[in-house]
Amino acid sequence: MPHVANSKTPLKRARVKKSLRVERQELHQKKLDAIASTIDMNKLADQETLPVDTFGRVDISPDHPDYAYWAKDED
């Protein structure tokens, strides 16, 4: 007897795809966590913290010494 698709089939497939996507995200996060755990924060030089705006862009004034670096576009 041939397989007859029912209304539940697409839902099951969507759940599988979501599950695979979540697994990829979790694997990616584990890789990032492993990299982060190798960084010794005490060995990093103390640097000025730059504020960011609500969109995540560096909020820096034109008279800041590093303004040209932070203002350039990354293309």
Protein backbone atom coordinates (compact mmCIF):
# COMPACT_ATOMS: atom_id res chain seq x y z
CA MET A 1 0.00 0.00 0.00
CA PRO A 2 1.48 3.40 -0.93
CA HIS A 3 2.29 5.92 1.75
CA VAL A 4 -0.40 8.55 2.15
CA ALA A 5 0.73 11.86 3.57
CA ASN A 6 -1.35 13.15 6.42
CA SER A 7 -1.49 16.49 8.17
CA LYS A 8 0.99 15.35 10.83
CA THR A 9 3.84 14.53 8.43
CA PRO A 10 5.04 18.14 7.79
CA LEU A 11 4.92 18.87 11.51
CA LYS A 12 7.14 15.90 12.31
CA ARG A 13 9.62 16.94 9.63
CA ALA A 14 9.67 20.49 10.98
CA ARG A 15 10.44 19.18 14.45
CA VAL A 16 13.32 17.10 13.11
CA LYS A 17 14.75 20.10 11.25
CA LYS A 18 14.43 22.27 14.33
CA SER A 19 16.10 19.62 16.42
CA LEU A 20 19.01 19.39 13.99
CA ARG A 21 19.31 23.18 13.98
CA VAL A 22 19.34 23.25 17.77
CA GLU A 23 21.98 20.52 17.84
CA ARG A 24 24.18 22.54 15.44
CA GLN A 25 23.75 25.64 17.60
CA GLU A 26 24.64 23.71 20.74
CA LEU A 27 27.71 22.20 19.05
CA HIS A 28 28.78 25.65 17.88
CA GLN A 29 28.31 27.04 21.40
CA LYS A 30 30.39 24.19 22.85
CA LYS A 31 33.20 25.02 20.41
CA LEU A 32 33.05 28.69 21.40
CA ASP A 33 33.04 27.76 25.09
CA ALA A 34 36.10 25.56 24.57
CA ILE A 35 37.94 28.42 22.88
CA ALA A 36 36.88 30.88 25.58
CA SER A 37 38.07 28.55 28.34
CA THR A 38 41.62 28.65 26.93
CA ILE A 39 41.87 32.44 27.26
CA ASP A 40 43.51 33.66 30.45
CA MET A 41 41.83 36.99 31.16
CA ASN A 42 44.62 37.95 33.57
CA LYS A 43 47.17 37.94 30.74
CA LEU A 44 45.19 40.36 28.60
CA ALA A 45 46.25 43.98 28.71
CA ASP A 46 43.88 46.40 30.40
CA GLN A 47 42.23 48.51 27.75
CA GLU A 48 39.63 51.22 27.75
CA THR A 49 36.12 49.87 27.33
CA LEU A 50 34.16 51.56 24.56
CA PRO A 51 30.43 52.07 25.07
CA VAL A 52 27.98 50.69 22.51
CA ASP A 53 24.61 52.05 21.44
CA THR A 54 21.34 50.10 21.41
CA PHE A 55 22.20 48.61 18.00
CA GLY A 56 25.56 47.24 19.17
CA ARG A 57 27.61 49.86 17.34
CA VAL A 58 30.51 51.53 19.10
CA ASP A 59 29.35 54.85 20.51
CA ILE A 60 32.48 56.95 20.08
CA SER A 61 33.06 60.65 19.56
CA PRO A 62 35.08 61.98 16.58
CA ASP A 63 37.75 63.40 18.90
CA HIS A 64 38.63 59.92 20.28
CA PRO A 65 42.16 58.80 19.20
CA ASP A 66 40.82 55.51 17.77
CA TYR A 67 37.80 57.04 16.02
CA ALA A 68 39.06 56.28 12.49
CA TYR A 69 39.52 52.59 13.33
CA TRP A 70 36.06 52.17 14.87
CA ALA A 71 34.23 54.33 12.32
CA LYS A 72 35.43 52.54 9.18
CA ASP A 73 33.09 50.07 7.46
CA GLU A 74 34.00 46.39 7.33
CA ASP A 75 33.37 45.47 3.68
